[in-house]
Amino acid sequence: MIRAAAVLFVVVFGFVLGASAEDFKAPEAKGRVYFKNLKNGAGVPATFTVEFAGHGGEGGHGGDGHR
């Protein structure tokens, strides 16, 4: 019974979420943010530091010292 209710919930919620996602319009971007030390298809070790960079947008250093 619980399994059937869970499946029904997922099916109904999926249709509602899908319908609302179709109407979604992303705001126009004024800049770009990218990974500074990664390229498409790059192999990475199990642990590594990700460096972010940005250009042309508003804002500053939102989290100095955070990685």
PDB file of N, CA and C in Angstrom:
ATOM      1  N   MET A   1       0.818  -1.203   0.000  1.00  0.00           N
ATOM      2  CA  MET A   1       0.000   0.000   0.000  1.00  0.00           C
ATOM      3  C   MET A   1       0.858   1.261   0.000  1.00  0.00           C
ATOM      4  N   ILE A   2       1.864   1.290   0.868  1.00  0.00           N
ATOM      5  CA  ILE A   2       2.739   2.460   0.936  1.00  0.00           C
ATOM      6  C   ILE A   2       3.527   2.601  -0.362  1.00  0.00           C
ATOM      7  N   ARG A   3       3.960   1.474  -0.906  1.00  0.00           N
ATOM      8  CA  ARG A   3       4.724   1.497  -2.156  1.00  0.00           C
ATOM      9  C   ARG A   3       3.866   2.054  -3.293  1.00  0.00           C
ATOM     10  N   ALA A   4       2.604   1.646  -3.360  1.00  0.00           N
ATOM     11  CA  ALA A   4       1.701   2.136  -4.400  1.00  0.00           C
ATOM     12  C   ALA A   4       1.453   3.632  -4.236  1.00  0.00           C
ATOM     13  N   ALA A   5       1.293   4.087  -2.998  1.00  0.00           N
ATOM     14  CA  ALA A   5       1.081   5.513  -2.745  1.00  0.00           C
ATOM     15  C   ALA A   5       2.320   6.317  -3.145  1.00  0.00           C
ATOM     16  N   ALA A   6       3.496   5.778  -2.862  1.00  0.00           N
ATOM     17  CA  ALA A   6       4.740   6.471  -3.224  1.00  0.00           C
ATOM     18  C   ALA A   6       4.872   6.581  -4.744  1.00  0.00           C
ATOM     19  N   VAL A   7       4.550   5.507  -5.453  1.00  0.00           N
ATOM     20  CA  VAL A   7       4.622   5.525  -6.920  1.00  0.00           C
ATOM     21  C   VAL A   7       3.619   6.537  -7.471  1.00  0.00           C
ATOM     22  N   LEU A   8       2.414   6.548  -6.959  1.00  0.00           N
ATOM     23  CA  LEU A   8       1.395   7.497  -7.409  1.00  0.00           C
ATOM     24  C   LEU A   8       1.842   8.941  -7.166  1.00  0.00           C
ATOM     25  N   PHE A   9       2.422   9.195  -5.997  1.00  0.00           N
ATOM     26  CA  PHE A   9       2.918  10.530  -5.676  1.00  0.00           C
ATOM     27  C   PHE A   9       3.990  10.964  -6.674  1.00  0.00           C
ATOM     28  N   VAL A  10       4.933  10.088  -6.966  1.00  0.00           N
ATOM     29  CA  VAL A  10       6.016  10.417  -7.900  1.00  0.00           C
ATOM     30  C   VAL A  10       5.457  10.700  -9.291  1.00  0.00           C
ATOM     31  N   VAL A  11       4.507   9.899  -9.737  1.00  0.00           N
ATOM     32  CA  VAL A  11       3.924  10.098 -11.073  1.00  0.00           C
ATOM     33  C   VAL A  11       3.186  11.433 -11.141  1.00  0.00           C
ATOM     34  N   VAL A  12       2.343  11.719 -10.155  1.00  0.00           N
ATOM     35  CA  VAL A  12       1.573  12.973 -10.156  1.00  0.00           C
ATOM     36  C   VAL A  12       2.498  14.164 -10.015  1.00  0.00           C
ATOM     37  N   PHE A  13       3.449  14.103  -9.085  1.00  0.00           N
ATOM     38  CA  PHE A  13       4.382  15.207  -8.872  1.00  0.00           C
ATOM     39  C   PHE A  13       5.230  15.436 -10.121  1.00  0.00           C
ATOM     40  N   GLY A  14       5.615  14.385 -10.790  1.00  0.00           N
ATOM     41  CA  GLY A  14       6.401  14.503 -12.014  1.00  0.00           C
ATOM     42  C   GLY A  14       5.666  15.266 -13.094  1.00  0.00           C
ATOM     43  N   PHE A  15       4.373  14.992 -13.266  1.00  0.00           N
ATOM     44  CA  PHE A  15       3.589  15.712 -14.272  1.00  0.00           C
ATOM     45  C   PHE A  15       3.432  17.185 -13.899  1.00  0.00           C
ATOM     46  N   VAL A  16       3.205  17.477 -12.633  1.00  0.00           N
ATOM     47  CA  VAL A  16       3.051  18.870 -12.191  1.00  0.00           C
ATOM     48  C   VAL A  16       4.364  19.614 -12.375  1.00  0.00           C
ATOM     49  N   LEU A  17       5.468  19.008 -11.971  1.00  0.00           N
ATOM     50  CA  LEU A  17       6.764  19.653 -12.097  1.00  0.00           C
ATOM     51  C   LEU A  17       7.125  19.847 -13.566  1.00  0.00           C
ATOM     52  N   GLY A  18       6.839  18.870 -14.396  1.00  0.00           N
ATOM     53  CA  GLY A  18       7.129  18.986 -15.822  1.00  0.00           C
ATOM     54  C   GLY A  18       6.359  20.120 -16.472  1.00  0.00           C
ATOM     55  N   ALA A  19       5.103  20.271 -16.105  1.00  0.00           N
ATOM     56  CA  ALA A  19       4.281  21.333 -16.677  1.00  0.00           C
ATOM     57  C   ALA A  19       4.780  22.707 -16.252  1.00  0.00           C
ATOM     58  N   SER A  20       5.190  22.843 -14.998  1.00  0.00           N
ATOM     59  CA  SER A  20       5.669  24.154 -14.548  1.00  0.00           C
ATOM     60  C   SER A  20       7.042  24.460 -15.122  1.00  0.00           C
ATOM     61  N   ALA A  21       7.854  23.440 -15.384  1.00  0.00           N
ATOM     62  CA  ALA A  21       9.189  23.665 -15.943  1.00  0.00           C
ATOM     63  C   ALA A  21       9.113  24.146 -17.385  1.00  0.00           C
ATOM     64  N   GLU A  22       8.072  23.784 -18.107  1.00  0.00           N
ATOM     65  CA  GLU A  22       7.935  24.211 -19.498  1.00  0.00           C
ATOM     66  C   GLU A  22       7.764  25.720 -19.615  1.00  0.00           C
ATOM     67  N   ASP A  23       7.168  26.346 -18.615  1.00  0.00           N
ATOM     68  CA  ASP A  23       6.915  27.787 -18.644  1.00  0.00           C
ATOM     69  C   ASP A  23       8.066  28.597 -18.067  1.00  0.00           C
ATOM     70  N   PHE A  24       9.075  27.929 -17.542  1.00  0.00           N
ATOM     71  CA  PHE A  24      10.179  28.626 -16.888  1.00  0.00           C
ATOM     72  C   PHE A  24      11.060  29.336 -17.903  1.00  0.00           C
ATOM     73  N   LYS A  25      11.353  30.595 -17.646  1.00  0.00           N
ATOM     74  CA  LYS A  25      12.276  31.382 -18.465  1.00  0.00           C
ATOM     75  C   LYS A  25      13.422  31.844 -17.563  1.00  0.00           C
ATOM     76  N   ALA A  26      14.633  31.469 -17.897  1.00  0.00           N
ATOM     77  CA  ALA A  26      15.794  31.875 -17.103  1.00  0.00           C
ATOM     78  C   ALA A  26      16.038  33.366 -17.294  1.00  0.00           C
ATOM     79  N   PRO A  27      16.454  34.054 -16.229  1.00  0.00           N
ATOM     80  CA  PRO A  27      16.751  35.477 -16.387  1.00  0.00           C
ATOM     81  C   PRO A  27      17.965  35.678 -17.293  1.00  0.00           C
ATOM     82  N   GLU A  28      18.000  36.810 -17.961  1.00  0.00           N
ATOM     83  CA  GLU A  28      19.112  37.091 -18.863  1.00  0.00           C
ATOM     84  C   GLU A  28      20.382  37.319 -18.051  1.00  0.00           C
ATOM     85  N   ALA A  29      21.435  36.625 -18.413  1.00  0.00           N
ATOM     86  CA  ALA A  29      22.702  36.718 -17.687  1.00  0.00           C
ATOM     87  C   ALA A  29      23.488  37.942 -18.143  1.00  0.00           C
ATOM     88  N   LYS A  30      24.155  38.590 -17.185  1.00  0.00           N
ATOM     89  CA  LYS A  30      24.951  39.768 -17.500  1.00  0.00           C
ATOM     90  C   LYS A  30      26.444  39.459 -17.451  1.00  0.00           C
ATOM     91  N   GLY A  31      26.809  38.272 -17.179  1.00  0.00           N
ATOM     92  CA  GLY A  31      28.215  37.888 -17.085  1.00  0.00           C
ATOM     93  C   GLY A  31      28.321  36.383 -17.214  1.00  0.00           C
ATOM     94  N   ARG A  32      29.469  35.857 -16.849  1.00  0.00           N
ATOM     95  CA  ARG A  32      29.607  34.414 -16.889  1.00  0.00           C
ATOM     96  C   ARG A  32      30.480  33.951 -15.737  1.00  0.00           C
ATOM     97  N   VAL A  33      30.220  32.754 -15.284  1.00  0.00           N
ATOM     98  CA  VAL A  33      30.998  32.106 -14.239  1.00  0.00           C
ATOM     99  C   VAL A  33      31.456  30.784 -14.814  1.00  0.00           C
ATOM    100  N   TYR A  34      32.694  30.426 -14.551  1.00  0.00           N
ATOM    101  CA  TYR A  34      33.226  29.198 -15.133  1.00  0.00           C
ATOM    102  C   TYR A  34      34.256  28.570 -14.199  1.00  0.00           C
ATOM    103  N   PHE A  35      34.612  27.310 -14.497  1.00  0.00           N
ATOM    104  CA  PHE A  35      35.653  26.625 -13.766  1.00  0.00           C
ATOM    105  C   PHE A  35      36.996  27.065 -14.334  1.00  0.00           C
ATOM    106  N   LYS A  36      37.839  27.614 -13.501  1.00  0.00           N
ATOM    107  CA  LYS A  36      39.110  28.155 -13.947  1.00  0.00           C
ATOM    108  C   LYS A  36      40.125  27.048 -14.263  1.00  0.00           C
ATOM    109  N   ASN A  37      40.088  25.956 -13.514  1.00  0.00           N
ATOM    110  CA  ASN A  37      41.117  24.940 -13.680  1.00  0.00           C
ATOM    111  C   ASN A  37      40.587  23.618 -14.251  1.00  0.00           C
ATOM    112  N   LEU A  38      39.419  23.622 -14.892  1.00  0.00           N
ATOM    113  CA  LEU A  38      38.874  22.414 -15.506  1.00  0.00           C
ATOM    114  C   LEU A  38      38.498  22.692 -16.954  1.00  0.00           C
ATOM    115  N   LYS A  39      38.698  21.717 -17.776  1.00  0.00           N
ATOM    116  CA  LYS A  39      38.295  21.793 -19.183  1.00  0.00           C
ATOM    117  C   LYS A  39      37.375  20.616 -19.488  1.00  0.00           C
ATOM    118  N   ASN A  40      36.567  20.698 -20.525  1.00  0.00           N
ATOM    119  CA  ASN A  40      35.694  19.590 -20.923  1.00  0.00           C
ATOM    120  C   ASN A  40      36.513  18.335 -21.160  1.00  0.00           C
ATOM    121  N   GLY A  41      36.064  17.235 -20.583  1.00  0.00           N
ATOM    122  CA  GLY A  41      36.726  15.953 -20.778  1.00  0.00           C
ATOM    123  C   GLY A  41      37.962  15.742 -19.924  1.00  0.00           C
ATOM    124  N   ALA A  42      38.267  16.671 -19.036  1.00  0.00           N
ATOM    125  CA  ALA A  42      39.468  16.549 -18.208  1.00  0.00           C
ATOM    126  C   ALA A  42      39.325  15.414 -17.207  1.00  0.00           C
ATOM    127  N   GLY A  43      40.385  14.675 -16.985  1.00  0.00           N
ATOM    128  CA  GLY A  43      40.422  13.667 -15.933  1.00  0.00           C
ATOM    129  C   GLY A  43      40.866  14.335 -14.644  1.00  0.00           C
ATOM    130  N   VAL A  44      40.260  13.954 -13.541  1.00  0.00           N
ATOM    131  CA  VAL A  44      40.607  14.557 -12.254  1.00  0.00           C
ATOM    132  C   VAL A  44      40.842  13.463 -11.218  1.00  0.00           C
ATOM    133  N   PRO A  45      41.698  13.730 -10.224  1.00  0.00           N
ATOM    134  CA  PRO A  45      41.900  12.765  -9.142  1.00  0.00           C
ATOM    135  C   PRO A  45      40.677  12.726  -8.228  1.00  0.00           C
ATOM    136  N   ALA A  46      40.668  11.785  -7.298  1.00  0.00           N
ATOM    137  CA  ALA A  46      39.528  11.627  -6.384  1.00  0.00           C
ATOM    138  C   ALA A  46      39.282  12.884  -5.565  1.00  0.00           C
ATOM    139  N   THR A  47      40.322  13.579  -5.158  1.00  0.00           N
ATOM    140  CA  THR A  47      40.160  14.851  -4.442  1.00  0.00           C
ATOM    141  C   THR A  47      40.987  15.906  -5.160  1.00  0.00           C
ATOM    142  N   PHE A  48      40.395  17.068  -5.345  1.00  0.00           N
ATOM    143  CA  PHE A  48      41.080  18.171  -6.015  1.00  0.00           C
ATOM    144  C   PHE A  48      40.368  19.465  -5.671  1.00  0.00           C
ATOM    145  N   THR A  49      41.026  20.572  -5.900  1.00  0.00           N
ATOM    146  CA  THR A  49      40.459  21.889  -5.629  1.00  0.00           C
ATOM    147  C   THR A  49      39.860  22.443  -6.912  1.00  0.00           C
ATOM    148  N   VAL A  50      38.617  22.877  -6.836  1.00  0.00           N
ATOM    149  CA  VAL A  50      37.942  23.495  -7.979  1.00  0.00           C
ATOM    150  C   VAL A  50      38.100  25.000  -7.842  1.00  0.00           C
ATOM    151  N   GLU A  51      38.567  25.635  -8.910  1.00  0.00           N
ATOM    152  CA  GLU A  51      38.716  27.091  -8.915  1.00  0.00           C
ATOM    153  C   GLU A  51      37.651  27.686  -9.833  1.00  0.00           C
ATOM    154  N   PHE A  52      36.881  28.634  -9.292  1.00  0.00           N
ATOM    155  CA  PHE A  52      35.860  29.325 -10.060  1.00  0.00           C
ATOM    156  C   PHE A  52      36.383  30.700 -10.468  1.00  0.00           C
ATOM    157  N   ALA A  53      35.899  31.198 -11.573  1.00  0.00           N
ATOM    158  CA  ALA A  53      36.230  32.549 -12.007  1.00  0.00           C
ATOM    159  C   ALA A  53      34.977  33.152 -12.632  1.00  0.00           C
ATOM    160  N   GLY A  54      34.927  34.455 -12.692  1.00  0.00           N
ATOM    161  CA  GLY A  54      33.779  35.120 -13.272  1.00  0.00           C
ATOM    162  C   GLY A  54      34.222  36.333 -14.059  1.00  0.00           C
ATOM    163  N   HIS A  55      33.356  36.766 -14.964  1.00  0.00           N
ATOM    164  CA  HIS A  55      33.684  37.917 -15.803  1.00  0.00           C
ATOM    165  C   HIS A  55      32.403  38.629 -16.211  1.00  0.00           C
ATOM    166  N   GLY A  56      32.386  39.942 -16.054  1.00  0.00           N
ATOM    167  CA  GLY A  56      31.316  40.760 -16.598  1.00  0.00           C
ATOM    168  C   GLY A  56      30.044  40.842 -15.788  1.00  0.00           C
ATOM    169  N   GLY A  57      30.006  40.298 -14.602  1.00  0.00           N
ATOM    170  CA  GLY A  57      28.781  40.352 -13.816  1.00  0.00           C
ATOM    171  C   GLY A  57      28.930  41.269 -12.622  1.00  0.00           C
ATOM    172  N   GLU A  58      27.873  41.340 -11.851  1.00  0.00           N
ATOM    173  CA  GLU A  58      27.893  42.120 -10.630  1.00  0.00           C
ATOM    174  C   GLU A  58      28.392  41.250  -9.493  1.00  0.00           C
ATOM    175  N   GLY A  59      28.792  41.869  -8.416  1.00  0.00           N
ATOM    176  CA  GLY A  59      29.186  41.102  -7.249  1.00  0.00           C
ATOM    177  C   GLY A  59      30.669  41.187  -7.001  1.00  0.00           C
ATOM    178  N   GLY A  60      31.055  40.578  -5.927  1.00  0.00           N
ATOM    179  CA  GLY A  60      32.454  40.586  -5.543  1.00  0.00           C
ATOM    180  C   GLY A  60      32.834  39.248  -4.987  1.00  0.00           C
ATOM    181  N   HIS A  61      33.680  39.282  -3.993  1.00  0.00           N
ATOM    182  CA  HIS A  61      34.139  38.058  -3.354  1.00  0.00           C
ATOM    183  C   HIS A  61      33.117  37.679  -2.291  1.00  0.00           C
ATOM    184  N   GLY A  62      32.236  36.746  -2.622  1.00  0.00           N
ATOM    185  CA  GLY A  62      31.176  36.371  -1.698  1.00  0.00           C
ATOM    186  C   GLY A  62      31.603  35.428  -0.600  1.00  0.00           C
ATOM    187  N   GLY A  63      32.737  34.810  -0.731  1.00  0.00           N
ATOM    188  CA  GLY A  63      33.127  33.842   0.274  1.00  0.00           C
ATOM    189  C   GLY A  63      34.637  33.654   0.316  1.00  0.00           C
ATOM    190  N   ASP A  64      35.358  34.717   0.555  1.00  0.00           N
ATOM    191  CA  ASP A  64      36.806  34.611   0.600  1.00  0.00           C
ATOM    192  C   ASP A  64      37.240  33.530   1.587  1.00  0.00           C
ATOM    193  N   GLY A  65      38.101  32.660   1.131  1.00  0.00           N
ATOM    194  CA  GLY A  65      38.621  31.608   1.993  1.00  0.00           C
ATOM    195  C   GLY A  65      37.835  30.307   1.904  1.00  0.00           C
ATOM    196  N   HIS A  66      36.703  30.294   1.238  1.00  0.00           N
ATOM    197  CA  HIS A  66      35.913  29.072   1.108  1.00  0.00           C
ATOM    198  C   HIS A  66      36.309  28.340  -0.149  1.00  0.00           C
ATOM    199  N   ARG A  67      36.354  27.023  -0.054  1.00  0.00           N
ATOM    200  CA  ARG A  67      36.672  26.209  -1.229  1.00  0.00           C
ATOM    201  C   ARG A  67      35.609  25.172  -1.422  1.00  0.00           C
TER     202      ARG A  67
END
